[in-house]
Amino acid sequence: MANEGKVVMIVPKEDEQTILDVLRSQLEGKDAAVIGTVRATNKEQLLLRTPLGTTRRLYRLTGLMLPRIC
């Protein structure tokens, strides 16, 4: 999905702090943060835990994923 100025990285837990340090050392990455974790399950689902503590399933995006031109 297009979202200018954002990046999502999936990295090994043992590399997490090093990568955050590198990103935060740059002006553009000063707000870099861990926003989630990946855990292996046999459910083959992508689940999102919301700020309210509930869980919902995320589905694959459909349709055109073109960036908006404002």
PDB file of N, CA and C in Angstrom:
ATOM      1  N   MET A   1       0.848  -1.169   0.000  1.00  0.00           N
ATOM      2  CA  MET A   1       0.000   0.000   0.000  1.00  0.00           C
ATOM      3  C   MET A   1       0.896   1.235   0.000  1.00  0.00           C
ATOM      4  N   ALA A   2       0.579   2.185  -0.823  1.00  0.00           N
ATOM      5  CA  ALA A   2       1.385   3.401  -0.921  1.00  0.00           C
ATOM      6  C   ALA A   2       1.190   4.269   0.318  1.00  0.00           C
ATOM      7  N   ASN A   3       2.294   4.753   0.845  1.00  0.00           N
ATOM      8  CA  ASN A   3       2.264   5.666   1.987  1.00  0.00           C
ATOM      9  C   ASN A   3       3.603   6.380   2.007  1.00  0.00           C
ATOM     10  N   GLU A   4       3.658   7.532   1.411  1.00  0.00           N
ATOM     11  CA  GLU A   4       4.932   8.236   1.268  1.00  0.00           C
ATOM     12  C   GLU A   4       5.540   8.563   2.622  1.00  0.00           C
ATOM     13  N   GLY A   5       6.854   8.338   2.718  1.00  0.00           N
ATOM     14  CA  GLY A   5       7.574   8.692   3.929  1.00  0.00           C
ATOM     15  C   GLY A   5       7.517   7.666   5.030  1.00  0.00           C
ATOM     16  N   LYS A   6       6.999   6.481   4.740  1.00  0.00           N
ATOM     17  CA  LYS A   6       6.887   5.424   5.752  1.00  0.00           C
ATOM     18  C   LYS A   6       7.560   4.162   5.235  1.00  0.00           C
ATOM     19  N   VAL A   7       8.048   3.349   6.168  1.00  0.00           N
ATOM     20  CA  VAL A   7       8.601   2.053   5.812  1.00  0.00           C
ATOM     21  C   VAL A   7       8.252   1.073   6.929  1.00  0.00           C
ATOM     22  N   VAL A   8       7.937  -0.135   6.553  1.00  0.00           N
ATOM     23  CA  VAL A   8       7.722  -1.213   7.514  1.00  0.00           C
ATOM     24  C   VAL A   8       8.793  -2.255   7.243  1.00  0.00           C
ATOM     25  N   MET A   9       9.535  -2.604   8.283  1.00  0.00           N
ATOM     26  CA  MET A   9      10.616  -3.581   8.148  1.00  0.00           C
ATOM     27  C   MET A   9      10.319  -4.750   9.084  1.00  0.00           C
ATOM     28  N   ILE A  10      10.537  -5.945   8.588  1.00  0.00           N
ATOM     29  CA  ILE A  10      10.439  -7.133   9.431  1.00  0.00           C
ATOM     30  C   ILE A  10      11.857  -7.653   9.580  1.00  0.00           C
ATOM     31  N   VAL A  11      12.368  -7.591  10.808  1.00  0.00           N
ATOM     32  CA  VAL A  11      13.765  -7.922  11.074  1.00  0.00           C
ATOM     33  C   VAL A  11      13.861  -8.907  12.232  1.00  0.00           C
ATOM     34  N   PRO A  12      14.955  -9.660  12.307  1.00  0.00           N
ATOM     35  CA  PRO A  12      15.149 -10.563  13.446  1.00  0.00           C
ATOM     36  C   PRO A  12      15.211  -9.776  14.757  1.00  0.00           C
ATOM     37  N   LYS A  13      14.644 -10.329  15.797  1.00  0.00           N
ATOM     38  CA  LYS A  13      14.607  -9.678  17.107  1.00  0.00           C
ATOM     39  C   LYS A  13      15.999  -9.249  17.558  1.00  0.00           C
ATOM     40  N   GLU A  14      17.016 -10.078  17.298  1.00  0.00           N
ATOM     41  CA  GLU A  14      18.364  -9.755  17.771  1.00  0.00           C
ATOM     42  C   GLU A  14      18.970  -8.544  17.047  1.00  0.00           C
ATOM     43  N   ASP A  15      18.416  -8.152  15.897  1.00  0.00           N
ATOM     44  CA  ASP A  15      18.917  -6.994  15.153  1.00  0.00           C
ATOM     45  C   ASP A  15      18.082  -5.730  15.390  1.00  0.00           C
ATOM     46  N   GLU A  16      17.011  -5.864  16.129  1.00  0.00           N
ATOM     47  CA  GLU A  16      16.053  -4.778  16.314  1.00  0.00           C
ATOM     48  C   GLU A  16      16.712  -3.484  16.817  1.00  0.00           C
ATOM     49  N   GLN A  17      17.450  -3.535  17.898  1.00  0.00           N
ATOM     50  CA  GLN A  17      18.019  -2.323  18.483  1.00  0.00           C
ATOM     51  C   GLN A  17      19.062  -1.676  17.570  1.00  0.00           C
ATOM     52  N   THR A  18      19.881  -2.484  16.926  1.00  0.00           N
ATOM     53  CA  THR A  18      20.881  -1.941  16.006  1.00  0.00           C
ATOM     54  C   THR A  18      20.208  -1.183  14.875  1.00  0.00           C
ATOM     55  N   ILE A  19      19.170  -1.769  14.308  1.00  0.00           N
ATOM     56  CA  ILE A  19      18.452  -1.131  13.200  1.00  0.00           C
ATOM     57  C   ILE A  19      17.772   0.147  13.666  1.00  0.00           C
ATOM     58  N   LEU A  20      17.156   0.115  14.840  1.00  0.00           N
ATOM     59  CA  LEU A  20      16.539   1.335  15.374  1.00  0.00           C
ATOM     60  C   LEU A  20      17.579   2.432  15.578  1.00  0.00           C
ATOM     61  N   ASP A  21      18.730   2.070  16.116  1.00  0.00           N
ATOM     62  CA  ASP A  21      19.798   3.055  16.331  1.00  0.00           C
ATOM     63  C   ASP A  21      20.232   3.697  15.023  1.00  0.00           C
ATOM     64  N   VAL A  22      20.400   2.889  13.978  1.00  0.00           N
ATOM     65  CA  VAL A  22      20.807   3.414  12.672  1.00  0.00           C
ATOM     66  C   VAL A  22      19.721   4.330  12.112  1.00  0.00           C
ATOM     67  N   LEU A  23      18.477   3.896  12.164  1.00  0.00           N
ATOM     68  CA  LEU A  23      17.389   4.721  11.639  1.00  0.00           C
ATOM     69  C   LEU A  23      17.262   6.031  12.407  1.00  0.00           C
ATOM     70  N   ARG A  24      17.334   5.953  13.727  1.00  0.00           N
ATOM     71  CA  ARG A  24      17.180   7.155  14.557  1.00  0.00           C
ATOM     72  C   ARG A  24      18.355   8.117  14.436  1.00  0.00           C
ATOM     73  N   SER A  25      19.488   7.659  13.916  1.00  0.00           N
ATOM     74  CA  SER A  25      20.636   8.535  13.748  1.00  0.00           C
ATOM     75  C   SER A  25      20.456   9.486  12.563  1.00  0.00           C
ATOM     76  N   GLN A  26      19.439   9.251  11.755  1.00  0.00           N
ATOM     77  CA  GLN A  26      19.134  10.089  10.602  1.00  0.00           C
ATOM     78  C   GLN A  26      17.916  10.951  10.905  1.00  0.00           C
ATOM     79  N   LEU A  27      17.899  12.173  10.419  1.00  0.00           N
ATOM     80  CA  LEU A  27      16.780  13.075  10.660  1.00  0.00           C
ATOM     81  C   LEU A  27      15.443  12.441  10.267  1.00  0.00           C
ATOM     82  N   GLU A  28      15.427  11.801   9.102  1.00  0.00           N
ATOM     83  CA  GLU A  28      14.174  11.218   8.606  1.00  0.00           C
ATOM     84  C   GLU A  28      13.701  10.039   9.451  1.00  0.00           C
ATOM     85  N   GLY A  29      14.594   9.421  10.213  1.00  0.00           N
ATOM     86  CA  GLY A  29      14.223   8.251  11.009  1.00  0.00           C
ATOM     87  C   GLY A  29      14.162   8.509  12.493  1.00  0.00           C
ATOM     88  N   LYS A  30      14.149   9.785  12.892  1.00  0.00           N
ATOM     89  CA  LYS A  30      14.224  10.109  14.317  1.00  0.00           C
ATOM     90  C   LYS A  30      13.076   9.526  15.132  1.00  0.00           C
ATOM     91  N   ASP A  31      11.940   9.259  14.505  1.00  0.00           N
ATOM     92  CA  ASP A  31      10.778   8.716  15.210  1.00  0.00           C
ATOM     93  C   ASP A  31      10.597   7.219  14.985  1.00  0.00           C
ATOM     94  N   ALA A  32      11.631   6.531  14.501  1.00  0.00           N
ATOM     95  CA  ALA A  32      11.527   5.092  14.236  1.00  0.00           C
ATOM     96  C   ALA A  32      11.114   4.363  15.511  1.00  0.00           C
ATOM     97  N   ALA A  33      10.239   3.376  15.354  1.00  0.00           N
ATOM     98  CA  ALA A  33       9.727   2.645  16.516  1.00  0.00           C
ATOM     99  C   ALA A  33       9.314   1.240  16.118  1.00  0.00           C
ATOM    100  N   VAL A  34       9.332   0.365  17.081  1.00  0.00           N
ATOM    101  CA  VAL A  34       8.781  -0.980  16.902  1.00  0.00           C
ATOM    102  C   VAL A  34       7.273  -0.859  17.054  1.00  0.00           C
ATOM    103  N   ILE A  35       6.532  -1.354  16.067  1.00  0.00           N
ATOM    104  CA  ILE A  35       5.070  -1.234  16.114  1.00  0.00           C
ATOM    105  C   ILE A  35       4.371  -2.584  16.215  1.00  0.00           C
ATOM    106  N   GLY A  36       5.149  -3.668  16.237  1.00  0.00           N
ATOM    107  CA  GLY A  36       4.512  -4.972  16.325  1.00  0.00           C
ATOM    108  C   GLY A  36       5.528  -6.085  16.394  1.00  0.00           C
ATOM    109  N   THR A  37       5.022  -7.286  16.521  1.00  0.00           N
ATOM    110  CA  THR A  37       5.856  -8.479  16.546  1.00  0.00           C
ATOM    111  C   THR A  37       5.219  -9.541  15.660  1.00  0.00           C
ATOM    112  N   VAL A  38       6.059 -10.444  15.191  1.00  0.00           N
ATOM    113  CA  VAL A  38       5.588 -11.562  14.387  1.00  0.00           C
ATOM    114  C   VAL A  38       5.750 -12.815  15.232  1.00  0.00           C
ATOM    115  N   ARG A  39       4.674 -13.566  15.348  1.00  0.00           N
ATOM    116  CA  ARG A  39       4.728 -14.827  16.084  1.00  0.00           C
ATOM    117  C   ARG A  39       4.191 -15.936  15.197  1.00  0.00           C
ATOM    118  N   ALA A  40       4.855 -17.054  15.229  1.00  0.00           N
ATOM    119  CA  ALA A  40       4.426 -18.193  14.415  1.00  0.00           C
ATOM    120  C   ALA A  40       3.210 -18.858  15.074  1.00  0.00           C
ATOM    121  N   THR A  41       2.199 -19.092  14.267  1.00  0.00           N
ATOM    122  CA  THR A  41       1.023 -19.853  14.698  1.00  0.00           C
ATOM    123  C   THR A  41       0.629 -20.762  13.549  1.00  0.00           C
ATOM    124  N   ASN A  42      -0.271 -21.646  13.789  1.00  0.00           N
ATOM    125  CA  ASN A  42      -0.747 -22.515  12.722  1.00  0.00           C
ATOM    126  C   ASN A  42      -2.066 -22.021  12.134  1.00  0.00           C
ATOM    127  N   LYS A  43      -2.465 -20.793  12.464  1.00  0.00           N
ATOM    128  CA  LYS A  43      -3.743 -20.259  12.000  1.00  0.00           C
ATOM    129  C   LYS A  43      -3.663 -19.613  10.616  1.00  0.00           C
ATOM    130  N   GLU A  44      -2.448 -19.299  10.144  1.00  0.00           N
ATOM    131  CA  GLU A  44      -2.258 -18.659   8.849  1.00  0.00           C
ATOM    132  C   GLU A  44      -3.106 -17.404   8.694  1.00  0.00           C
ATOM    133  N   GLN A  45      -3.116 -16.572   9.732  1.00  0.00           N
ATOM    134  CA  GLN A  45      -3.863 -15.331   9.727  1.00  0.00           C
ATOM    135  C   GLN A  45      -2.957 -14.199  10.171  1.00  0.00           C
ATOM    136  N   LEU A  46      -3.291 -12.983   9.731  1.00  0.00           N
ATOM    137  CA  LEU A  46      -2.607 -11.799  10.202  1.00  0.00           C
ATOM    138  C   LEU A  46      -3.564 -11.091  11.144  1.00  0.00           C
ATOM    139  N   LEU A  47      -3.169 -11.007  12.414  1.00  0.00           N
ATOM    140  CA  LEU A  47      -4.024 -10.401  13.426  1.00  0.00           C
ATOM    141  C   LEU A  47      -3.417  -9.104  13.925  1.00  0.00           C
ATOM    142  N   LEU A  48      -4.266  -8.135  14.167  1.00  0.00           N
ATOM    143  CA  LEU A  48      -3.853  -6.832  14.659  1.00  0.00           C
ATOM    144  C   LEU A  48      -4.424  -6.638  16.052  1.00  0.00           C
ATOM    145  N   ARG A  49      -3.563  -6.323  17.007  1.00  0.00           N
ATOM    146  CA  ARG A  49      -4.042  -5.974  18.341  1.00  0.00           C
ATOM    147  C   ARG A  49      -4.214  -4.468  18.359  1.00  0.00           C
ATOM    148  N   THR A  50      -5.415  -4.003  18.649  1.00  0.00           N
ATOM    149  CA  THR A  50      -5.735  -2.583  18.601  1.00  0.00           C
ATOM    150  C   THR A  50      -5.289  -1.884  19.889  1.00  0.00           C
ATOM    151  N   PRO A  51      -5.235  -0.550  19.870  1.00  0.00           N
ATOM    152  CA  PRO A  51      -4.884   0.184  21.087  1.00  0.00           C
ATOM    153  C   PRO A  51      -5.847  -0.083  22.249  1.00  0.00           C
ATOM    154  N   LEU A  52      -7.053  -0.540  21.940  1.00  0.00           N
ATOM    155  CA  LEU A  52      -8.027  -0.856  22.992  1.00  0.00           C
ATOM    156  C   LEU A  52      -7.840  -2.254  23.567  1.00  0.00           C
ATOM    157  N   GLY A  53      -6.896  -3.014  22.994  1.00  0.00           N
ATOM    158  CA  GLY A  53      -6.626  -4.358  23.490  1.00  0.00           C
ATOM    159  C   GLY A  53      -7.417  -5.456  22.799  1.00  0.00           C
ATOM    160  N   THR A  54      -8.235  -5.103  21.823  1.00  0.00           N
ATOM    161  CA  THR A  54      -8.971  -6.113  21.080  1.00  0.00           C
ATOM    162  C   THR A  54      -8.109  -6.605  19.919  1.00  0.00           C
ATOM    163  N   THR A  55      -8.518  -7.692  19.303  1.00  0.00           N
ATOM    164  CA  THR A  55      -7.789  -8.256  18.176  1.00  0.00           C
ATOM    165  C   THR A  55      -8.729  -8.355  16.987  1.00  0.00           C
ATOM    166  N   ARG A  56      -8.213  -7.975  15.804  1.00  0.00           N
ATOM    167  CA  ARG A  56      -9.018  -8.141  14.591  1.00  0.00           C
ATOM    168  C   ARG A  56      -8.131  -8.686  13.484  1.00  0.00           C
ATOM    169  N   ARG A  57      -8.759  -9.365  12.555  1.00  0.00           N
ATOM    170  CA  ARG A  57      -8.022  -9.965  11.444  1.00  0.00           C
ATOM    171  C   ARG A  57      -7.818  -8.941  10.344  1.00  0.00           C
ATOM    172  N   LEU A  58      -6.610  -8.901   9.786  1.00  0.00           N
ATOM    173  CA  LEU A  58      -6.316  -8.049   8.639  1.00  0.00           C
ATOM    174  C   LEU A  58      -6.345  -8.917   7.390  1.00  0.00           C
ATOM    175  N   TYR A  59      -7.033  -8.441   6.375  1.00  0.00           N
ATOM    176  CA  TYR A  59      -7.150  -9.179   5.125  1.00  0.00           C
ATOM    177  C   TYR A  59      -6.225  -8.573   4.079  1.00  0.00           C
ATOM    178  N   ARG A  60      -5.869  -9.367   3.099  1.00  0.00           N
ATOM    179  CA  ARG A  60      -5.033  -8.903   1.992  1.00  0.00           C
ATOM    180  C   ARG A  60      -5.738  -7.747   1.287  1.00  0.00           C
ATOM    181  N   LEU A  61      -4.960  -6.717   0.926  1.00  0.00           N
ATOM    182  CA  LEU A  61      -5.530  -5.576   0.217  1.00  0.00           C
ATOM    183  C   LEU A  61      -6.004  -6.007  -1.166  1.00  0.00           C
ATOM    184  N   THR A  62      -7.074  -5.393  -1.622  1.00  0.00           N
ATOM    185  CA  THR A  62      -7.601  -5.681  -2.952  1.00  0.00           C
ATOM    186  C   THR A  62      -7.728  -4.381  -3.727  1.00  0.00           C
ATOM    187  N   GLY A  63      -7.837  -4.493  -5.019  1.00  0.00           N
ATOM    188  CA  GLY A  63      -7.996  -3.301  -5.861  1.00  0.00           C
ATOM    189  C   GLY A  63      -6.651  -2.685  -6.184  1.00  0.00           C
ATOM    190  N   LEU A  64      -6.690  -1.524  -6.785  1.00  0.00           N
ATOM    191  CA  LEU A  64      -5.476  -0.809  -7.176  1.00  0.00           C
ATOM    192  C   LEU A  64      -4.850  -0.141  -5.968  1.00  0.00           C
ATOM    193  N   MET A  65      -3.560  -0.338  -5.816  1.00  0.00           N
ATOM    194  CA  MET A  65      -2.856   0.269  -4.691  1.00  0.00           C
ATOM    195  C   MET A  65      -1.940   1.368  -5.208  1.00  0.00           C
ATOM    196  N   LEU A  66      -2.534   2.333  -5.872  1.00  0.00           N
ATOM    197  CA  LEU A  66      -1.777   3.454  -6.426  1.00  0.00           C
ATOM    198  C   LEU A  66      -1.765   4.602  -5.441  1.00  0.00           C
ATOM    199  N   PRO A  67      -0.678   5.327  -5.385  1.00  0.00           N
ATOM    200  CA  PRO A  67      -0.639   6.472  -4.470  1.00  0.00           C
ATOM    201  C   PRO A  67      -1.581   7.583  -4.955  1.00  0.00           C
ATOM    202  N   ARG A  68      -2.139   8.296  -4.004  1.00  0.00           N
ATOM    203  CA  ARG A  68      -2.955   9.459  -4.356  1.00  0.00           C
ATOM    204  C   ARG A  68      -2.017  10.592  -4.743  1.00  0.00           C
ATOM    205  N   ILE A  69      -2.402  11.341  -5.740  1.00  0.00           N
ATOM    206  CA  ILE A  69      -1.624  12.510  -6.126  1.00  0.00           C
ATOM    207  C   ILE A  69      -2.450  13.724  -5.720  1.00  0.00           C
ATOM    208  N   CYS A  70      -1.955  14.434  -4.730  1.00  0.00           N
ATOM    209  CA  CYS A  70      -2.717  15.577  -4.204  1.00  0.00           C
ATOM    210  C   CYS A  70      -2.269  16.872  -4.854  1.00  0.00           C
TER     211      CYS A  70
END
